[in-house]
Amino acid sequence: MTVQGTGADVRTRLRRLLRHRTTWALTAATLVGAVLGAGLVGWRTGTLPWSQELRPCWDSLSDETLDTLMAGAGRREAEEQKLLGPGWTARCRVLAYSREEHRQDDVAARLDITVRTLDTLSGRDAHAWSAEFLSTGLTPLGGGLRGMASRSRAWLALPQQCVDGEDPVVVEARMGNQDKEDLISPERRYGMARAVVETANGLLGAYGCTGRHRLPRPPRDLDEDAQEEREKKRDGAARAALCGLAGAPVPQEHGTWLRRAARNWVDGGPARVCGMGHPHADFEARLVTVVDPELSLVFRAEALGGGPEISDSELGRGAFTTGRAVFMTRCQTGDVVFLAEQTHGKDSDWTFVRDVFPLYVAAEADRLGCGPQKVTMPKT
């Protein structure tokens, strides 16, 4: 179903909807005059009962997914922006209200869905988006899906052949407090993963693209999955000793950091992330390898001109600043990006990135079969 229609079509649809018994509320097709951000489209406004024929977020989200994410809440309402086609930003929001009679106007849960094109020109998303969505708090969706999910964040890249241009288009989902990412919650993560996959499938249909993503597998048993997740982290830490730098000549003063980081290790998806948290930031330091060629484009502008140049043989380009280094090179699977970043630390000279990054690039390039990569950091 599309979000457009004639006045007669809309009236006919509304009469049909009103005959259904439901607890949903849906925004009508009347567009308000206000514009929101770069999308230049307004929210649909007004409330009407929901039916089984229409689902929130461009007819995408199922009751099962919303029940998983909003269990125990009362009535739900949805509002969404008009879809203008691939490459255009659009937003959807689902609100669940309290069941308590005297608090029925209080929002008990909120799910925000955004579809947008990642910025590959300014380098803004190389910083802000990667800090939020390429984190050890998220784990890969699995099943060949190009995305990751946690209890409060999830994202999924749409197939490139279905969108205009070469820039990656992603579905993002946010719900709850990102500061609690370390809490093990397989059910919530499963709900967030379903939310981005269902939304992506709805968009593929709206854009006229063939094929649909398979939904993530549900957790078998919450306690069993929680134990399995803990075991995976321990096994991952053992395999990822010093973030893949075991045997490399890592300066002694950075060994403690790397041992801490190796306890938080995410692999098997579009990016490999090794990092440590900080009480007042998303991370204290991290090492990232982006293996998805389309996602690597987000870092291209920074690699080509984001600071003093990192030199290499003729295999790649990179840039370095005091607390961050990025290097982009070509492997058999396409473009790959290596990233090191430090946001906090007792190191007053901020030497972590300068000392560790060349070792990390060499180790990861060898692991991926990219050929020998010997980067040289600039002196300034």
Protein backbone atom coordinates (compact mmCIF):
# COMPACT_ATOMS: atom_id res chain seq x y z
CA MET A 1 0.00 0.00 0.00
CA THR A 2 1.25 3.51 -0.75
CA VAL A 3 0.75 6.62 1.35
CA GLN A 4 -0.91 8.47 -1.53
CA GLY A 5 -4.45 8.28 -2.84
CA THR A 6 -7.41 10.31 -4.10
CA GLY A 7 -9.93 11.87 -1.72
CA ALA A 8 -12.49 9.22 -2.63
CA ASP A 9 -9.97 6.45 -2.09
CA VAL A 10 -9.10 7.83 1.32
CA ARG A 11 -12.75 8.16 2.41
CA THR A 12 -13.48 4.60 1.24
CA ARG A 13 -10.43 3.28 3.09
CA LEU A 14 -11.37 5.12 6.28
CA ARG A 15 -14.91 3.77 6.29
CA ARG A 16 -13.49 0.26 5.89
CA LEU A 17 -11.02 0.82 8.71
CA LEU A 18 -13.66 2.11 11.09
CA ARG A 19 -15.55 -1.17 10.81
CA HIS A 20 -12.64 -3.06 12.41
CA ARG A 21 -12.20 -3.59 16.14
CA THR A 22 -8.67 -2.50 17.11
CA THR A 23 -6.56 -0.69 19.66
CA TRP A 24 -4.36 1.03 17.07
CA ALA A 25 -4.33 4.70 16.13
CA LEU A 26 -3.05 5.79 12.73
CA THR A 27 -2.24 9.23 11.44
CA ALA A 28 -4.43 10.40 8.57
CA ALA A 29 -3.13 11.37 5.16
CA THR A 30 -3.49 15.11 5.70
CA LEU A 31 -0.09 16.77 5.45
CA VAL A 32 0.72 19.67 7.72
CA GLY A 33 2.51 22.67 6.28
CA ALA A 34 5.57 22.45 8.50
CA VAL A 35 8.74 21.04 7.02
CA LEU A 36 11.09 18.81 8.97
CA GLY A 37 14.81 18.92 8.29
CA ALA A 38 16.37 18.04 4.98
CA GLY A 39 13.52 15.73 4.00
CA LEU A 40 11.21 18.73 3.37
CA VAL A 41 8.12 16.67 4.11
CA GLY A 42 5.60 17.08 6.87
CA TRP A 43 4.16 14.69 9.42
CA ARG A 44 0.75 13.24 8.73
CA THR A 45 -1.59 14.28 11.48
CA GLY A 46 -4.86 13.22 13.06
CA THR A 47 -5.77 9.88 14.64
CA LEU A 48 -7.89 7.08 13.27
CA PRO A 49 -8.34 3.43 14.27
CA TRP A 50 -5.79 0.96 12.93
CA SER A 51 -6.76 -2.21 11.13
CA GLN A 52 -5.07 -5.41 10.14
CA GLU A 53 -4.92 -4.05 6.58
CA LEU A 54 -2.54 -1.24 7.56
CA ARG A 55 0.58 -1.43 9.65
CA PRO A 56 2.76 1.36 11.02
CA CYS A 57 5.84 2.73 9.28
CA TRP A 58 4.80 2.46 5.66
CA ASP A 59 2.74 -0.68 6.23
CA SER A 60 5.78 -2.53 7.58
CA LEU A 61 5.82 -3.25 11.32
CA SER A 62 3.94 -6.31 12.53
CA ASP A 63 2.05 -6.73 15.79
CA GLU A 64 4.56 -9.40 16.84
CA THR A 65 7.47 -6.98 16.56
CA LEU A 66 5.69 -4.17 18.41
CA ASP A 67 4.45 -6.57 21.09
CA THR A 68 8.07 -7.65 21.64
CA LEU A 69 9.25 -4.07 22.02
CA MET A 70 6.25 -2.57 23.83
CA ALA A 71 4.91 -5.42 25.94
CA GLY A 72 2.70 -4.23 28.78
CA ALA A 73 1.90 -0.84 27.29
CA GLY A 74 -1.56 0.41 26.38
CA ARG A 75 -2.85 1.96 23.18
CA ARG A 76 -0.42 2.68 20.35
CA GLU A 77 -0.27 5.52 17.89
CA ALA A 78 1.90 5.94 14.81
CA GLU A 79 2.92 8.92 12.73
CA GLU A 80 5.04 8.84 9.62
CA GLN A 81 6.38 10.98 6.81
CA LYS A 82 5.50 10.46 3.20
CA LEU A 83 7.88 8.25 1.24
CA LEU A 84 9.21 10.15 -1.76
CA GLY A 85 11.49 7.43 -3.10
CA PRO A 86 14.97 5.95 -2.58
CA GLY A 87 17.48 8.46 -1.28
CA TRP A 88 14.90 10.69 0.43
CA THR A 89 14.84 10.92 4.22
CA ALA A 90 11.63 9.74 5.92
CA ARG A 91 10.76 9.19 9.56
CA CYS A 92 8.23 7.13 11.44
CA ARG A 93 7.41 7.06 15.14
CA VAL A 94 5.33 4.60 17.16
CA LEU A 95 4.19 5.66 20.63
CA ALA A 96 2.76 3.34 23.28
CA TYR A 97 0.86 4.86 26.18
CA SER A 98 0.44 3.78 29.78
CA ARG A 99 -2.29 1.30 30.69
CA GLU A 100 -2.94 3.01 34.00
CA GLU A 101 -6.26 4.85 33.90
CA HIS A 102 -4.94 8.05 35.48
CA ARG A 103 -1.82 8.09 33.23
CA GLN A 104 -3.26 7.16 29.86
CA ASP A 105 -1.75 10.26 28.25
CA ASP A 106 1.77 9.31 29.42
CA VAL A 107 4.08 7.77 26.80
CA ALA A 108 5.37 4.44 28.11
CA ALA A 109 7.49 3.49 25.08
CA ARG A 110 8.65 5.13 21.86
CA LEU A 111 10.16 3.61 18.72
CA ASP A 112 11.75 5.90 16.11
CA ILE A 113 12.48 4.62 12.61
CA THR A 114 14.45 6.62 10.02
CA VAL A 115 15.37 5.79 6.45
CA ARG A 116 18.12 7.97 5.01
CA THR A 117 21.19 8.16 2.81
CA LEU A 118 24.50 8.21 4.67
CA ASP A 119 26.71 11.20 3.95
CA THR A 120 29.82 10.26 1.96
CA LEU A 121 30.93 13.81 1.06
CA SER A 122 31.50 15.77 4.27
CA GLY A 123 32.71 13.01 6.61
CA ARG A 124 30.02 13.86 9.17
CA ASP A 125 28.58 10.35 9.29
CA ALA A 126 32.09 8.87 9.44
CA HIS A 127 32.20 10.41 12.93
CA ALA A 128 28.66 10.68 14.33
CA TRP A 129 26.97 7.72 12.64
CA SER A 130 29.86 5.31 13.14
CA ALA A 131 30.16 6.23 16.82
CA GLU A 132 26.50 5.34 17.37
CA PHE A 133 26.04 2.36 15.07
CA LEU A 134 29.50 0.75 14.73
CA SER A 135 29.84 -0.01 18.41
CA THR A 136 30.59 -3.03 20.54
CA GLY A 137 27.15 -2.50 22.06
CA LEU A 138 25.63 -3.81 18.81
CA THR A 139 26.04 -7.25 17.30
CA PRO A 140 25.59 -8.35 13.66
CA LEU A 141 22.11 -9.32 12.51
CA GLY A 142 23.46 -12.51 10.94
CA GLY A 143 22.01 -14.39 8.01
CA GLY A 144 23.89 -12.24 5.50
CA LEU A 145 22.03 -9.09 6.59
CA ARG A 146 24.13 -5.92 6.34
CA GLY A 147 23.33 -4.46 9.72
CA MET A 148 23.63 -4.66 13.50
CA ALA A 149 21.32 -4.47 16.52
CA SER A 150 21.25 -3.97 20.27
CA ARG A 151 18.51 -3.46 22.84
CA SER A 152 18.20 0.25 21.93
CA ARG A 153 19.71 0.67 18.44
CA ALA A 154 19.57 -1.17 15.13
CA TRP A 155 20.38 -0.50 11.49
CA LEU A 156 20.20 -2.26 8.16
CA ALA A 157 21.56 -1.18 4.76
CA LEU A 158 19.20 -1.48 1.80
CA PRO A 159 20.40 -3.38 -1.29
CA GLN A 160 22.41 -1.00 -3.48
CA GLN A 161 20.64 -2.11 -6.64
CA CYS A 162 17.36 -0.87 -5.16
CA VAL A 163 18.44 2.71 -4.35
CA ASP A 164 19.54 5.64 -6.49
CA GLY A 165 23.25 6.41 -6.61
CA GLU A 166 26.19 4.70 -4.95
CA ASP A 167 25.75 6.13 -1.44
CA PRO A 168 24.47 3.66 1.18
CA VAL A 169 20.84 3.99 2.28
CA VAL A 170 20.06 2.64 5.75
CA VAL A 171 17.10 2.00 7.99
CA GLU A 172 17.81 3.09 11.57
CA ALA A 173 15.82 2.24 14.70
CA ARG A 174 16.17 3.85 18.12
CA MET A 175 14.39 2.99 21.32
CA GLY A 176 15.29 3.61 24.95
CA ASN A 177 18.56 4.57 26.56
CA GLN A 178 21.80 3.88 24.71
CA ASP A 179 23.70 4.07 28.01
CA LYS A 180 22.26 0.65 28.91
CA GLU A 181 23.65 -1.18 25.88
CA ASP A 182 25.70 -3.50 28.07
CA LEU A 183 22.54 -5.05 29.55
CA ILE A 184 21.94 -8.47 28.02
CA SER A 185 18.44 -8.47 26.55
CA PRO A 186 18.06 -10.99 23.69
CA GLU A 187 14.31 -10.36 23.40
CA ARG A 188 14.68 -6.60 23.01
CA ARG A 189 17.53 -7.01 20.56
CA TYR A 190 15.40 -9.47 18.60
CA GLY A 191 12.57 -6.92 18.48
CA MET A 192 14.90 -4.16 17.26
CA ALA A 193 16.36 -6.46 14.61
CA ARG A 194 12.86 -7.37 13.41
CA ALA A 195 11.92 -3.69 13.31
CA VAL A 196 14.65 -2.73 10.84
CA VAL A 197 14.23 -5.85 8.71
CA GLU A 198 10.44 -5.45 8.46
CA THR A 199 10.80 -1.76 7.66
CA ALA A 200 13.42 -2.52 5.01
CA ASN A 201 11.11 -5.10 3.44
CA GLY A 202 8.27 -2.59 3.40
CA LEU A 203 10.51 -0.03 1.70
CA LEU A 204 11.64 -2.54 -0.91
CA GLY A 205 8.01 -3.12 -1.76
CA ALA A 206 7.23 0.61 -1.86
CA TYR A 207 10.23 1.23 -4.13
CA GLY A 208 9.15 -1.56 -6.49
CA CYS A 209 12.18 -3.77 -5.77
CA THR A 210 12.05 -7.53 -5.92
CA GLY A 211 13.19 -9.80 -3.11
CA ARG A 212 12.76 -9.50 0.63
CA HIS A 213 15.03 -10.06 3.63
CA ARG A 214 14.45 -13.09 5.80
CA LEU A 215 13.38 -12.15 9.33
CA PRO A 216 15.92 -12.72 12.15
CA ARG A 217 15.63 -15.95 14.07
CA PRO A 218 13.91 -15.58 17.46
CA PRO A 219 15.82 -16.32 20.66
CA ARG A 220 15.27 -19.94 21.67
CA ASP A 221 15.21 -19.24 25.37
CA LEU A 222 16.15 -15.97 27.04
CA ASP A 223 18.22 -17.47 29.85
CA GLU A 224 19.92 -19.86 27.46
CA ASP A 225 20.71 -17.05 25.01
CA ALA A 226 22.04 -14.81 27.76
CA GLN A 227 24.43 -17.56 28.85
CA GLU A 228 25.43 -18.18 25.23
CA GLU A 229 26.13 -14.47 24.76
CA ARG A 230 28.39 -14.42 27.81
CA GLU A 231 30.27 -17.47 26.52
CA LYS A 232 30.68 -15.89 23.09
CA LYS A 233 32.18 -12.78 24.66
CA ARG A 234 34.66 -14.86 26.63
CA ASP A 235 35.55 -16.93 23.57
CA GLY A 236 35.78 -13.80 21.44
CA ALA A 237 38.11 -12.17 23.94
CA ALA A 238 40.36 -15.21 23.87
CA ARG A 239 40.45 -15.27 20.06
CA ALA A 240 40.84 -11.50 19.80
CA ALA A 241 43.77 -11.13 22.17
CA LEU A 242 44.84 -7.51 22.03
CA CYS A 243 42.24 -6.81 19.31
CA GLY A 244 43.97 -9.11 16.86
CA LEU A 245 47.42 -7.72 17.65
CA ALA A 246 48.78 -10.70 19.59
CA GLY A 247 52.41 -11.09 18.64
CA ALA A 248 52.69 -7.53 17.33
CA PRO A 249 55.24 -5.21 19.00
CA VAL A 250 52.63 -3.21 20.92
CA PRO A 251 54.16 -0.59 23.26
CA GLN A 252 53.84 -1.71 26.86
CA GLU A 253 51.93 1.41 27.94
CA HIS A 254 49.07 0.48 25.58
CA GLY A 255 48.85 -3.19 26.54
CA THR A 256 46.39 -2.59 29.38
CA TRP A 257 44.03 -0.66 27.11
CA LEU A 258 44.11 -3.34 24.46
CA ARG A 259 43.48 -6.13 26.96
CA ARG A 260 40.42 -4.26 28.20
CA ALA A 261 39.25 -3.63 24.65
CA ALA A 262 39.62 -7.28 23.68
CA ARG A 263 36.86 -8.15 26.17
CA ASN A 264 34.47 -6.20 23.92
CA TRP A 265 34.79 -7.72 20.49
CA VAL A 266 32.20 -7.80 17.69
CA ASP A 267 32.84 -9.71 14.48
CA GLY A 268 31.01 -11.54 11.71
CA GLY A 269 29.08 -8.67 10.11
CA PRO A 270 29.69 -5.55 8.00
CA ALA A 271 32.25 -4.27 10.53
CA ARG A 272 34.64 -5.73 13.09
CA VAL A 273 34.78 -3.61 16.24
CA CYS A 274 37.09 -3.82 19.25
CA GLY A 275 36.65 -1.15 21.90
CA MET A 276 36.40 -0.13 25.50
CA GLY A 277 33.72 2.01 27.09
CA HIS A 278 33.92 5.15 29.18
CA PRO A 279 31.35 6.26 31.80
CA HIS A 280 30.75 9.57 30.03
CA ALA A 281 31.15 8.59 26.38
CA ASP A 282 30.13 5.89 23.93
CA PHE A 283 33.70 4.61 23.95
CA GLU A 284 37.12 5.41 25.36
CA ALA A 285 39.08 3.92 22.49
CA ARG A 286 38.20 1.60 19.62
CA LEU A 287 39.64 -0.19 16.62
CA VAL A 288 37.28 -0.80 13.68
CA THR A 289 37.55 -2.64 10.37
CA VAL A 290 34.71 -1.90 7.93
CA VAL A 291 34.56 -4.77 5.46
CA ASP A 292 31.33 -3.83 3.65
CA PRO A 293 32.49 -1.98 0.48
CA GLU A 294 29.41 0.25 0.25
CA LEU A 295 29.58 1.20 3.92
CA SER A 296 33.28 1.98 3.51
CA LEU A 297 32.31 4.90 1.27
CA VAL A 298 31.15 6.80 4.35
CA PHE A 299 34.82 7.16 5.34
CA ARG A 300 36.18 8.06 1.90
CA ALA A 301 36.16 11.85 2.33
CA GLU A 302 37.95 11.60 5.67
CA ALA A 303 40.54 9.18 4.31
CA LEU A 304 41.30 11.47 1.36
CA GLY A 305 41.43 14.78 3.21
CA GLY A 306 40.56 14.51 6.87
CA GLY A 307 43.97 15.54 8.20
CA PRO A 308 47.70 15.05 7.66
CA GLU A 309 48.17 12.22 5.18
CA ILE A 310 49.05 8.69 6.21
CA SER A 311 51.53 7.38 3.66
CA ASP A 312 51.62 3.87 2.28
CA SER A 313 52.93 2.11 -0.76
CA GLU A 314 50.42 2.86 -3.51
CA LEU A 315 47.76 0.65 -2.00
CA GLY A 316 45.62 3.09 -0.04
CA ARG A 317 44.99 6.55 1.40
CA GLY A 318 44.48 7.73 4.95
CA ALA A 319 44.48 10.67 7.35
CA PHE A 320 45.55 11.19 10.94
CA THR A 321 44.62 13.60 13.71
CA THR A 322 45.67 13.43 17.35
CA GLY A 323 42.92 11.07 18.48
CA ARG A 324 41.81 9.45 15.23
CA ALA A 325 43.22 7.72 12.16
CA VAL A 326 41.44 6.25 9.14
CA PHE A 327 42.92 4.32 6.23
CA MET A 328 41.07 3.11 3.12
CA THR A 329 42.46 0.43 0.82
CA ARG A 330 41.32 -2.12 -1.74
CA CYS A 331 40.96 -5.83 -0.95
CA GLN A 332 39.62 -8.73 -2.97
CA THR A 333 36.10 -7.98 -1.75
CA GLY A 334 36.28 -4.25 -2.48
CA ASP A 335 37.14 -1.18 -0.41
CA VAL A 336 37.98 -1.77 3.25
CA VAL A 337 38.45 0.87 5.95
CA PHE A 338 40.58 0.65 9.09
CA LEU A 339 39.84 3.08 11.92
CA ALA A 340 41.44 3.82 15.29
CA GLU A 341 40.03 6.38 17.69
CA GLN A 342 40.71 7.61 21.22
CA THR A 343 38.30 9.90 23.06
CA HIS A 344 39.53 9.61 26.67
CA GLY A 345 42.49 8.30 28.55
CA LYS A 346 45.24 8.97 31.06
CA ASP A 347 47.73 9.24 28.21
CA SER A 348 48.52 12.97 28.31
CA ASP A 349 50.43 12.78 25.02
CA TRP A 350 47.61 10.93 23.23
CA THR A 351 49.98 8.47 21.59
CA PHE A 352 47.63 5.47 21.46
CA VAL A 353 46.42 6.00 17.88
CA ARG A 354 49.86 6.94 16.53
CA ASP A 355 51.54 3.91 18.11
CA VAL A 356 48.90 1.23 17.56
CA PHE A 357 47.30 2.12 14.21
CA PRO A 358 50.15 0.96 11.90
CA LEU A 359 50.24 -2.37 13.76
CA TYR A 360 46.48 -2.75 13.53
CA VAL A 361 46.36 -2.02 9.79
CA ALA A 362 49.14 -4.52 9.10
CA ALA A 363 47.50 -7.25 11.21
CA GLU A 364 44.00 -6.76 9.80
CA ALA A 365 45.18 -6.46 6.20
CA ASP A 366 47.02 -9.75 6.62
CA ARG A 367 43.93 -11.39 8.14
CA LEU A 368 41.73 -10.21 5.26
CA GLY A 369 44.26 -11.05 2.57
CA CYS A 370 44.59 -7.45 1.40
CA GLY A 371 48.31 -7.77 0.81
CA PRO A 372 51.03 -6.22 2.98
CA GLN A 373 50.01 -2.80 4.27
CA LYS A 374 52.75 -0.78 5.94
CA VAL A 375 51.40 2.64 6.81
CA THR A 376 53.58 5.49 8.06
CA MET A 377 52.06 8.08 10.38
CA PRO A 378 52.80 11.77 9.70
CA LYS A 379 55.15 13.55 12.07
CA THR A 380 52.68 16.33 12.87
